[in-house]
Amino acid sequence: MAHIKLPEFEDMTPAIQEKARPILEKTGKLGEIFKLLALDEKLYFATDGMIQRFLLDETELSYEIKESIALLISKENGCKMCVDVHKGIAKMLGLSEKRIEEVLNGIEAIETSEKEKALLTFCIKASKKENYKILKEEIDALKVLGYTDIQIVEAVAITGYFNYINTLSNVFALGE
């Protein structure tokens, strides 16, 4: 049970209800993270914009890499709810059960290129408290592998987003 009272659909602002209605109609429920964010319209729409632009829109990174980052960072941060949610989203975006299980077993278990493993390893390091110790040489190494500045920034932005959403979920005991 969440550590704070989460609003029900009827308690949400009309603008948030408009976003929630299709989810309710399709799934019959709203997730606790949706409800938590719905406490404040500014918080909700700022977060929703990140979700749309980083994860659901086509970007410089494939859905497979983006969802791999989502799963890896959520697992690393101990956010069971986020891992469970993103297993479903990953399937919806075309990731196979095999790939999802590989990701959840760690980077070395993923059957992919060394290039992709390097980016995922970098994202885990970027998610840590001591990310300020990352060196230019580490970013340059990703460029040598073929990643563009935009792809690297996008990967770190997604990493940061999951640190943010995992923190909200963990602090308020969502999904427990």
N, C-alpha and C. Protein backbone atom coordinates (compact mmCIF):
# COMPACT_ATOMS: atom_id res chain seq x y z
N MET A 1 0.84 -1.19 0.00
CA MET A 1 0.00 0.00 0.00
C MET A 1 0.89 1.25 0.00
N ALA A 2 0.53 2.19 -0.84
CA ALA A 2 1.32 3.42 -0.97
C ALA A 2 1.38 4.18 0.36
N HIS A 3 2.49 4.86 0.55
CA HIS A 3 2.70 5.62 1.79
C HIS A 3 1.86 6.89 1.88
N ILE A 4 1.27 7.32 0.77
CA ILE A 4 0.38 8.48 0.79
C ILE A 4 -0.90 8.13 0.05
N LYS A 5 -1.95 8.90 0.32
CA LYS A 5 -3.24 8.65 -0.32
C LYS A 5 -3.17 9.06 -1.79
N LEU A 6 -3.49 8.12 -2.65
CA LEU A 6 -3.47 8.38 -4.08
C LEU A 6 -4.87 8.73 -4.56
N PRO A 7 -4.99 9.68 -5.47
CA PRO A 7 -6.32 10.08 -5.94
C PRO A 7 -6.96 9.01 -6.82
N GLU A 8 -8.26 8.96 -6.79
CA GLU A 8 -9.02 8.13 -7.71
C GLU A 8 -9.36 8.98 -8.92
N PHE A 9 -9.84 8.36 -9.97
CA PHE A 9 -10.13 9.05 -11.22
C PHE A 9 -10.98 10.30 -11.00
N GLU A 10 -12.04 10.16 -10.22
CA GLU A 10 -12.97 11.28 -10.02
C GLU A 10 -12.34 12.46 -9.26
N ASP A 11 -11.22 12.22 -8.59
CA ASP A 11 -10.53 13.28 -7.85
C ASP A 11 -9.49 14.02 -8.70
N MET A 12 -9.24 13.54 -9.90
CA MET A 12 -8.21 14.12 -10.77
C MET A 12 -8.77 15.33 -11.53
N THR A 13 -7.89 16.21 -11.96
CA THR A 13 -8.34 17.37 -12.74
C THR A 13 -8.91 16.90 -14.08
N PRO A 14 -9.76 17.69 -14.69
CA PRO A 14 -10.32 17.30 -16.00
C PRO A 14 -9.25 17.00 -17.05
N ALA A 15 -8.17 17.76 -17.06
CA ALA A 15 -7.10 17.53 -18.05
C ALA A 15 -6.45 16.16 -17.84
N ILE A 16 -6.24 15.78 -16.59
CA ILE A 16 -5.64 14.47 -16.32
C ILE A 16 -6.67 13.37 -16.57
N GLN A 17 -7.92 13.62 -16.23
CA GLN A 17 -8.97 12.63 -16.52
C GLN A 17 -9.03 12.31 -18.01
N GLU A 18 -8.84 13.34 -18.83
CA GLU A 18 -8.85 13.14 -20.28
C GLU A 18 -7.75 12.17 -20.71
N LYS A 19 -6.58 12.27 -20.09
CA LYS A 19 -5.48 11.34 -20.39
C LYS A 19 -5.74 9.96 -19.78
N ALA A 20 -6.41 9.94 -18.63
CA ALA A 20 -6.64 8.69 -17.91
C ALA A 20 -7.77 7.86 -18.52
N ARG A 21 -8.76 8.51 -19.07
CA ARG A 21 -9.95 7.81 -19.56
C ARG A 21 -9.61 6.67 -20.53
N PRO A 22 -8.78 6.90 -21.57
CA PRO A 22 -8.47 5.79 -22.49
C PRO A 22 -7.75 4.63 -21.79
N ILE A 23 -6.91 4.96 -20.81
CA ILE A 23 -6.21 3.90 -20.07
C ILE A 23 -7.22 3.09 -19.27
N LEU A 24 -8.12 3.78 -18.60
CA LEU A 24 -9.16 3.09 -17.82
C LEU A 24 -10.03 2.21 -18.71
N GLU A 25 -10.42 2.74 -19.87
CA GLU A 25 -11.27 1.99 -20.79
C GLU A 25 -10.56 0.76 -21.33
N LYS A 26 -9.26 0.88 -21.56
CA LYS A 26 -8.51 -0.23 -22.14
C LYS A 26 -8.13 -1.28 -21.10
N THR A 27 -7.70 -0.82 -19.92
CA THR A 27 -7.17 -1.76 -18.93
C THR A 27 -8.07 -1.97 -17.71
N GLY A 28 -9.01 -1.04 -17.50
CA GLY A 28 -9.89 -1.16 -16.34
C GLY A 28 -9.31 -0.61 -15.06
N LYS A 29 -8.07 -0.08 -15.11
CA LYS A 29 -7.46 0.47 -13.90
C LYS A 29 -6.37 1.46 -14.27
N LEU A 30 -5.99 2.25 -13.28
CA LEU A 30 -4.86 3.16 -13.43
C LEU A 30 -3.76 2.69 -12.51
N GLY A 31 -2.55 2.69 -13.00
CA GLY A 31 -1.42 2.29 -12.17
C GLY A 31 -1.16 3.30 -11.07
N GLU A 32 -0.52 2.84 -10.03
CA GLU A 32 -0.25 3.71 -8.89
C GLU A 32 0.67 4.87 -9.25
N ILE A 33 1.61 4.68 -10.17
CA ILE A 33 2.48 5.79 -10.54
C ILE A 33 1.67 6.87 -11.26
N PHE A 34 0.71 6.47 -12.08
CA PHE A 34 -0.17 7.43 -12.73
C PHE A 34 -0.93 8.23 -11.67
N LYS A 35 -1.47 7.53 -10.69
CA LYS A 35 -2.22 8.20 -9.63
C LYS A 35 -1.34 9.14 -8.82
N LEU A 36 -0.12 8.71 -8.51
CA LEU A 36 0.80 9.56 -7.75
C LEU A 36 1.08 10.85 -8.52
N LEU A 37 1.39 10.74 -9.78
CA LEU A 37 1.69 11.91 -10.60
C LEU A 37 0.46 12.80 -10.76
N ALA A 38 -0.73 12.19 -10.73
CA ALA A 38 -1.98 12.94 -10.89
C ALA A 38 -2.28 13.84 -9.69
N LEU A 39 -1.51 13.72 -8.62
CA LEU A 39 -1.69 14.63 -7.49
C LEU A 39 -1.44 16.08 -7.89
N ASP A 40 -0.58 16.27 -8.90
CA ASP A 40 -0.23 17.61 -9.33
C ASP A 40 -0.18 17.65 -10.86
N GLU A 41 -0.99 18.50 -11.45
CA GLU A 41 -1.08 18.56 -12.91
C GLU A 41 0.25 18.92 -13.57
N LYS A 42 1.01 19.83 -12.98
CA LYS A 42 2.31 20.19 -13.56
C LYS A 42 3.26 18.99 -13.55
N LEU A 43 3.30 18.31 -12.43
CA LEU A 43 4.15 17.12 -12.31
C LEU A 43 3.72 16.05 -13.31
N TYR A 44 2.40 15.84 -13.40
CA TYR A 44 1.89 14.82 -14.30
C TYR A 44 2.30 15.12 -15.75
N PHE A 45 2.02 16.34 -16.22
CA PHE A 45 2.27 16.65 -17.62
C PHE A 45 3.75 16.76 -17.95
N ALA A 46 4.56 17.19 -17.01
CA ALA A 46 6.00 17.20 -17.24
C ALA A 46 6.51 15.77 -17.42
N THR A 47 6.05 14.88 -16.57
CA THR A 47 6.46 13.48 -16.64
C THR A 47 5.90 12.81 -17.90
N ASP A 48 4.64 13.09 -18.21
CA ASP A 48 4.02 12.52 -19.40
C ASP A 48 4.77 12.94 -20.66
N GLY A 49 5.23 14.19 -20.69
CA GLY A 49 6.01 14.65 -21.84
C GLY A 49 7.29 13.85 -22.00
N MET A 50 7.95 13.55 -20.89
CA MET A 50 9.17 12.75 -20.95
C MET A 50 8.86 11.34 -21.47
N ILE A 51 7.77 10.75 -20.97
CA ILE A 51 7.40 9.41 -21.40
C ILE A 51 7.16 9.40 -22.91
N GLN A 52 6.36 10.36 -23.37
CA GLN A 52 6.03 10.41 -24.79
C GLN A 52 7.28 10.61 -25.65
N ARG A 53 8.11 11.58 -25.29
CA ARG A 53 9.24 11.95 -26.13
C ARG A 53 10.40 10.95 -26.05
N PHE A 54 10.68 10.44 -24.85
CA PHE A 54 11.81 9.53 -24.69
C PHE A 54 11.47 8.10 -25.07
N LEU A 55 10.34 7.63 -24.63
CA LEU A 55 10.08 6.20 -24.71
C LEU A 55 9.12 5.78 -25.82
N LEU A 56 8.07 6.54 -26.04
CA LEU A 56 7.06 6.08 -26.99
C LEU A 56 7.25 6.61 -28.40
N ASP A 57 7.79 7.81 -28.54
CA ASP A 57 8.06 8.35 -29.88
C ASP A 57 9.28 7.64 -30.47
N GLU A 58 9.33 7.61 -31.80
CA GLU A 58 10.55 7.11 -32.44
C GLU A 58 11.63 8.15 -32.21
N THR A 59 12.81 7.68 -31.83
CA THR A 59 13.92 8.56 -31.53
C THR A 59 15.18 7.99 -32.17
N GLU A 60 16.31 8.51 -31.78
CA GLU A 60 17.60 8.05 -32.32
C GLU A 60 17.95 6.63 -31.85
N LEU A 61 17.39 6.20 -30.74
CA LEU A 61 17.65 4.85 -30.22
C LEU A 61 16.45 3.96 -30.50
N SER A 62 16.72 2.69 -30.70
CA SER A 62 15.63 1.73 -30.96
C SER A 62 14.81 1.50 -29.69
N TYR A 63 13.59 1.04 -29.88
CA TYR A 63 12.75 0.70 -28.74
C TYR A 63 13.42 -0.40 -27.90
N GLU A 64 14.11 -1.31 -28.56
CA GLU A 64 14.78 -2.39 -27.84
C GLU A 64 15.83 -1.84 -26.87
N ILE A 65 16.62 -0.89 -27.31
CA ILE A 65 17.64 -0.30 -26.43
C ILE A 65 16.96 0.52 -25.33
N LYS A 66 15.95 1.31 -25.68
CA LYS A 66 15.29 2.14 -24.68
C LYS A 66 14.64 1.30 -23.59
N GLU A 67 13.96 0.25 -23.98
CA GLU A 67 13.32 -0.60 -22.97
C GLU A 67 14.35 -1.43 -22.21
N SER A 68 15.45 -1.75 -22.84
CA SER A 68 16.53 -2.44 -22.11
C SER A 68 17.08 -1.52 -21.02
N ILE A 69 17.24 -0.23 -21.34
CA ILE A 69 17.68 0.73 -20.33
C ILE A 69 16.64 0.81 -19.22
N ALA A 70 15.38 0.90 -19.58
CA ALA A 70 14.29 0.99 -18.59
C ALA A 70 14.34 -0.19 -17.63
N LEU A 71 14.46 -1.38 -18.18
CA LEU A 71 14.48 -2.59 -17.34
C LEU A 71 15.75 -2.67 -16.49
N LEU A 72 16.89 -2.41 -17.11
CA LEU A 72 18.15 -2.49 -16.36
C LEU A 72 18.21 -1.50 -15.21
N ILE A 73 17.84 -0.24 -15.46
CA ILE A 73 17.92 0.78 -14.42
C ILE A 73 16.89 0.49 -13.33
N SER A 74 15.69 0.09 -13.73
CA SER A 74 14.65 -0.21 -12.74
C SER A 74 15.06 -1.39 -11.86
N LYS A 75 15.66 -2.41 -12.47
CA LYS A 75 16.13 -3.55 -11.68
C LYS A 75 17.27 -3.11 -10.76
N GLU A 76 18.19 -2.34 -11.30
CA GLU A 76 19.34 -1.85 -10.53
C GLU A 76 18.88 -1.04 -9.32
N ASN A 77 17.79 -0.27 -9.50
CA ASN A 77 17.27 0.58 -8.43
C ASN A 77 16.28 -0.14 -7.52
N GLY A 78 16.06 -1.42 -7.76
CA GLY A 78 15.17 -2.20 -6.90
C GLY A 78 13.71 -1.81 -7.04
N CYS A 79 13.31 -1.33 -8.20
CA CYS A 79 11.93 -0.91 -8.41
C CYS A 79 11.15 -2.03 -9.09
N LYS A 80 10.62 -2.92 -8.27
CA LYS A 80 9.89 -4.08 -8.77
C LYS A 80 8.70 -3.66 -9.63
N MET A 81 7.96 -2.63 -9.16
CA MET A 81 6.80 -2.18 -9.92
C MET A 81 7.21 -1.74 -11.33
N CYS A 82 8.28 -0.96 -11.43
CA CYS A 82 8.73 -0.46 -12.73
C CYS A 82 9.21 -1.61 -13.62
N VAL A 83 9.89 -2.57 -13.04
CA VAL A 83 10.32 -3.74 -13.82
C VAL A 83 9.09 -4.45 -14.37
N ASP A 84 8.10 -4.70 -13.53
CA ASP A 84 6.89 -5.40 -13.98
C ASP A 84 6.16 -4.62 -15.07
N VAL A 85 6.01 -3.31 -14.88
CA VAL A 85 5.33 -2.47 -15.88
C VAL A 85 6.10 -2.50 -17.20
N HIS A 86 7.42 -2.38 -17.12
CA HIS A 86 8.20 -2.31 -18.36
C HIS A 86 8.39 -3.65 -19.04
N LYS A 87 8.19 -4.73 -18.33
CA LYS A 87 8.15 -6.02 -19.01
C LYS A 87 6.97 -6.02 -20.00
N GLY A 88 5.83 -5.52 -19.53
CA GLY A 88 4.65 -5.44 -20.39
C GLY A 88 4.82 -4.46 -21.54
N ILE A 89 5.39 -3.29 -21.23
CA ILE A 89 5.61 -2.29 -22.27
C ILE A 89 6.61 -2.80 -23.30
N ALA A 90 7.66 -3.46 -22.83
CA ALA A 90 8.67 -4.01 -23.74
C ALA A 90 8.03 -5.01 -24.71
N LYS A 91 7.15 -5.85 -24.20
CA LYS A 91 6.45 -6.81 -25.07
C LYS A 91 5.60 -6.06 -26.09
N MET A 92 4.88 -5.04 -25.61
CA MET A 92 4.02 -4.25 -26.49
C MET A 92 4.84 -3.58 -27.61
N LEU A 93 6.08 -3.19 -27.30
CA LEU A 93 6.93 -2.52 -28.28
C LEU A 93 7.75 -3.50 -29.13
N GLY A 94 7.50 -4.80 -28.94
CA GLY A 94 8.10 -5.79 -29.82
C GLY A 94 9.29 -6.57 -29.29
N LEU A 95 9.67 -6.37 -28.03
CA LEU A 95 10.77 -7.16 -27.47
C LEU A 95 10.26 -8.58 -27.17
N SER A 96 11.10 -9.54 -27.45
CA SER A 96 10.72 -10.93 -27.20
C SER A 96 10.86 -11.26 -25.72
N GLU A 97 10.18 -12.31 -25.30
CA GLU A 97 10.31 -12.80 -23.92
C GLU A 97 11.78 -13.13 -23.63
N LYS A 98 12.43 -13.72 -24.62
CA LYS A 98 13.84 -14.10 -24.46
C LYS A 98 14.69 -12.87 -24.18
N ARG A 99 14.52 -11.81 -24.95
CA ARG A 99 15.31 -10.59 -24.76
C ARG A 99 15.03 -9.99 -23.38
N ILE A 100 13.79 -9.94 -22.98
CA ILE A 100 13.42 -9.38 -21.68
C ILE A 100 14.11 -10.16 -20.56
N GLU A 101 14.08 -11.48 -20.64
CA GLU A 101 14.73 -12.30 -19.61
C GLU A 101 16.24 -12.10 -19.61
N GLU A 102 16.83 -12.00 -20.80
CA GLU A 102 18.27 -11.74 -20.89
C GLU A 102 18.63 -10.43 -20.18
N VAL A 103 17.86 -9.38 -20.47
CA VAL A 103 18.13 -8.08 -19.86
C VAL A 103 18.03 -8.18 -18.34
N LEU A 104 17.01 -8.86 -17.86
CA LEU A 104 16.81 -8.97 -16.42
C LEU A 104 17.88 -9.84 -15.75
N ASN A 105 18.59 -10.63 -16.55
CA ASN A 105 19.70 -11.43 -16.02
C ASN A 105 21.03 -10.70 -16.10
N GLY A 106 21.01 -9.47 -16.61
CA GLY A 106 22.23 -8.66 -16.64
C GLY A 106 22.82 -8.53 -18.02
N ILE A 107 23.63 -7.53 -18.18
CA ILE A 107 24.18 -7.18 -19.49
C ILE A 107 24.93 -8.34 -20.14
N GLU A 108 25.70 -9.06 -19.37
CA GLU A 108 26.47 -10.17 -19.96
C GLU A 108 25.59 -11.29 -20.49
N ALA A 109 24.35 -11.37 -20.01
CA ALA A 109 23.42 -12.41 -20.46
C ALA A 109 22.72 -12.04 -21.77
N ILE A 110 22.82 -10.78 -22.18
CA ILE A 110 22.11 -10.31 -23.38
C ILE A 110 22.87 -10.73 -24.63
N GLU A 111 22.16 -11.40 -25.53
CA GLU A 111 22.75 -11.77 -26.82
C GLU A 111 22.62 -10.57 -27.75
N THR A 112 23.64 -9.74 -27.75
CA THR A 112 23.66 -8.54 -28.58
C THR A 112 25.10 -8.17 -28.86
N SER A 113 25.27 -7.09 -29.57
CA SER A 113 26.61 -6.65 -29.95
C SER A 113 27.36 -6.08 -28.76
N GLU A 114 28.68 -6.08 -28.88
CA GLU A 114 29.51 -5.45 -27.84
C GLU A 114 29.23 -3.95 -27.80
N LYS A 115 28.88 -3.38 -28.94
CA LYS A 115 28.52 -1.96 -29.01
C LYS A 115 27.34 -1.66 -28.09
N GLU A 116 26.29 -2.45 -28.21
CA GLU A 116 25.10 -2.23 -27.37
C GLU A 116 25.40 -2.50 -25.90
N LYS A 117 26.16 -3.55 -25.63
CA LYS A 117 26.53 -3.84 -24.24
C LYS A 117 27.31 -2.68 -23.63
N ALA A 118 28.17 -2.04 -24.43
CA ALA A 118 28.95 -0.90 -23.93
C ALA A 118 28.02 0.26 -23.56
N LEU A 119 27.01 0.52 -24.38
CA LEU A 119 26.08 1.61 -24.07
C LEU A 119 25.27 1.28 -22.82
N LEU A 120 24.80 0.06 -22.69
CA LEU A 120 24.01 -0.34 -21.52
C LEU A 120 24.85 -0.29 -20.24
N THR A 121 26.10 -0.72 -20.35
CA THR A 121 27.02 -0.65 -19.20
C THR A 121 27.24 0.80 -18.80
N PHE A 122 27.42 1.66 -19.78
CA PHE A 122 27.59 3.09 -19.54
C PHE A 122 26.36 3.67 -18.82
N CYS A 123 25.17 3.26 -19.25
CA CYS A 123 23.93 3.75 -18.63
C CYS A 123 23.84 3.34 -17.16
N ILE A 124 24.23 2.13 -16.86
CA ILE A 124 24.21 1.71 -15.46
C ILE A 124 25.17 2.57 -14.65
N LYS A 125 26.36 2.81 -15.19
CA LYS A 125 27.32 3.67 -14.49
C LYS A 125 26.75 5.08 -14.34
N ALA A 126 26.09 5.58 -15.37
CA ALA A 126 25.50 6.93 -15.33
C ALA A 126 24.38 7.03 -14.31
N SER A 127 23.77 5.90 -13.97
CA SER A 127 22.65 5.92 -13.01
C SER A 127 23.11 5.97 -11.56
N LYS A 128 24.38 5.78 -11.33
CA LYS A 128 24.92 5.67 -9.98
C LYS A 128 25.21 7.03 -9.36
N LYS A 129 25.32 7.02 -8.05
CA LYS A 129 25.62 8.22 -7.27
C LYS A 129 26.91 8.89 -7.72
N GLU A 130 27.88 8.11 -8.10
CA GLU A 130 29.19 8.66 -8.47
C GLU A 130 29.32 8.88 -9.98
N ASN A 131 28.20 9.16 -10.64
CA ASN A 131 28.24 9.38 -12.09
C ASN A 131 29.07 10.61 -12.47
N TYR A 132 29.33 11.47 -11.51
CA TYR A 132 30.16 12.65 -11.78
C TYR A 132 31.62 12.25 -12.07
N LYS A 133 31.96 11.00 -11.83
CA LYS A 133 33.31 10.52 -12.11
C LYS A 133 33.48 9.99 -13.54
N ILE A 134 32.40 10.00 -14.31
CA ILE A 134 32.50 9.56 -15.70
C ILE A 134 33.44 10.51 -16.45
N LEU A 135 34.32 9.92 -17.22
CA LEU A 135 35.33 10.69 -17.93
C LEU A 135 34.93 10.91 -19.40
N LYS A 136 35.47 11.96 -19.98
CA LYS A 136 35.25 12.24 -21.40
C LYS A 136 35.66 11.03 -22.24
N GLU A 137 36.72 10.36 -21.82
CA GLU A 137 37.22 9.19 -22.56
C GLU A 137 36.16 8.09 -22.65
N GLU A 138 35.32 7.97 -21.62
CA GLU A 138 34.28 6.95 -21.64
C GLU A 138 33.21 7.30 -22.68
N ILE A 139 32.91 8.57 -22.79
CA ILE A 139 31.95 9.02 -23.82
C ILE A 139 32.58 8.89 -25.20
N ASP A 140 33.83 9.25 -25.31
CA ASP A 140 34.54 9.11 -26.59
C ASP A 140 34.59 7.66 -27.04
N ALA A 141 34.72 6.73 -26.10
CA ALA A 141 34.75 5.31 -26.44
C ALA A 141 33.41 4.88 -27.07
N LEU A 142 32.31 5.43 -26.59
CA LEU A 142 31.01 5.13 -27.19
C LEU A 142 30.93 5.69 -28.61
N LYS A 143 31.51 6.86 -28.81
CA LYS A 143 31.53 7.47 -30.15
C LYS A 143 32.35 6.61 -31.12
N VAL A 144 33.47 6.08 -30.63
CA VAL A 144 34.31 5.22 -31.46
C VAL A 144 33.52 3.99 -31.91
N LEU A 145 32.63 3.52 -31.05
CA LEU A 145 31.79 2.37 -31.38
C LEU A 145 30.69 2.71 -32.38
N GLY A 146 30.46 4.01 -32.60
CA GLY A 146 29.48 4.42 -33.59
C GLY A 146 28.28 5.18 -33.05
N TYR A 147 28.23 5.42 -31.75
CA TYR A 147 27.12 6.19 -31.19
C TYR A 147 27.34 7.68 -31.45
N THR A 148 26.25 8.36 -31.75
CA THR A 148 26.30 9.81 -31.95
C THR A 148 26.11 10.52 -30.61
N ASP A 149 26.45 11.80 -30.61
CA ASP A 149 26.22 12.61 -29.41
C ASP A 149 24.75 12.53 -29.00
N ILE A 150 23.85 12.65 -29.97
CA ILE A 150 22.41 12.62 -29.66
C ILE A 150 22.03 11.29 -29.03
N GLN A 151 22.51 10.18 -29.55
CA GLN A 151 22.18 8.88 -29.00
C GLN A 151 22.69 8.73 -27.56
N ILE A 152 23.89 9.23 -27.31
CA ILE A 152 24.46 9.13 -25.96
C ILE A 152 23.67 10.00 -25.00
N VAL A 153 23.34 11.22 -25.40
CA VAL A 153 22.55 12.10 -24.54
C VAL A 153 21.17 11.48 -24.29
N GLU A 154 20.57 10.94 -25.32
CA GLU A 154 19.25 10.31 -25.17
C GLU A 154 19.32 9.13 -24.19
N ALA A 155 20.34 8.30 -24.31
CA ALA A 155 20.49 7.16 -23.40
C ALA A 155 20.64 7.63 -21.96
N VAL A 156 21.41 8.69 -21.75
CA VAL A 156 21.59 9.21 -20.38
C VAL A 156 20.30 9.86 -19.89
N ALA A 157 19.57 10.53 -20.78
CA ALA A 157 18.30 11.13 -20.39
C ALA A 157 17.30 10.05 -19.96
N ILE A 158 17.25 8.96 -20.70
CA ILE A 158 16.36 7.85 -20.32
C ILE A 158 16.81 7.25 -18.99
N THR A 159 18.10 7.12 -18.81
CA THR A 159 18.64 6.64 -17.53
C THR A 159 18.20 7.56 -16.40
N GLY A 160 18.36 8.86 -16.60
CA GLY A 160 17.95 9.82 -15.58
C GLY A 160 16.45 9.77 -15.32
N TYR A 161 15.66 9.60 -16.38
CA TYR A 161 14.22 9.48 -16.22
C TYR A 161 13.89 8.29 -15.32
N PHE A 162 14.56 7.16 -15.53
CA PHE A 162 14.25 5.99 -14.71
C PHE A 162 14.76 6.14 -13.28
N ASN A 163 15.85 6.83 -13.09
CA ASN A 163 16.23 7.13 -11.70
C ASN A 163 15.13 7.95 -11.03
N TYR A 164 14.57 8.91 -11.75
CA TYR A 164 13.49 9.77 -11.25
C TYR A 164 12.24 8.96 -10.93
N ILE A 165 11.76 8.19 -11.89
CA ILE A 165 10.48 7.48 -11.71
C ILE A 165 10.66 6.34 -10.70
N ASN A 166 11.82 5.67 -10.70
CA ASN A 166 12.09 4.63 -9.70
C ASN A 166 12.11 5.22 -8.30
N THR A 167 12.69 6.41 -8.16
CA THR A 167 12.72 7.06 -6.85
C THR A 167 11.32 7.35 -6.36
N LEU A 168 10.47 7.92 -7.21
CA LEU A 168 9.09 8.18 -6.80
C LEU A 168 8.39 6.89 -6.38
N SER A 169 8.55 5.87 -7.18
CA SER A 169 7.89 4.60 -6.90
C SER A 169 8.41 3.98 -5.60
N ASN A 170 9.71 3.97 -5.43
CA ASN A 170 10.29 3.36 -4.24
C ASN A 170 9.98 4.13 -2.97
N VAL A 171 10.11 5.46 -2.99
CA VAL A 171 9.90 6.28 -1.79
C VAL A 171 8.46 6.15 -1.30
N PHE A 172 7.51 6.11 -2.24
CA PHE A 172 6.11 6.07 -1.83
C PHE A 172 5.53 4.66 -1.82
N ALA A 173 6.39 3.65 -1.94
CA ALA A 173 6.01 2.23 -1.83
C ALA A 173 4.89 1.85 -2.81
N LEU A 174 5.04 2.29 -4.04
CA LEU A 174 4.04 1.96 -5.04
C LEU A 174 4.19 0.51 -5.48
N GLY A 175 3.08 -0.11 -5.74
CA GLY A 175 3.09 -1.48 -6.21
C GLY A 175 3.34 -2.52 -5.14
N GLU A 176 3.32 -2.11 -3.89
CA GLU A 176 3.57 -3.09 -2.81
C GLU A 176 2.27 -3.49 -2.13
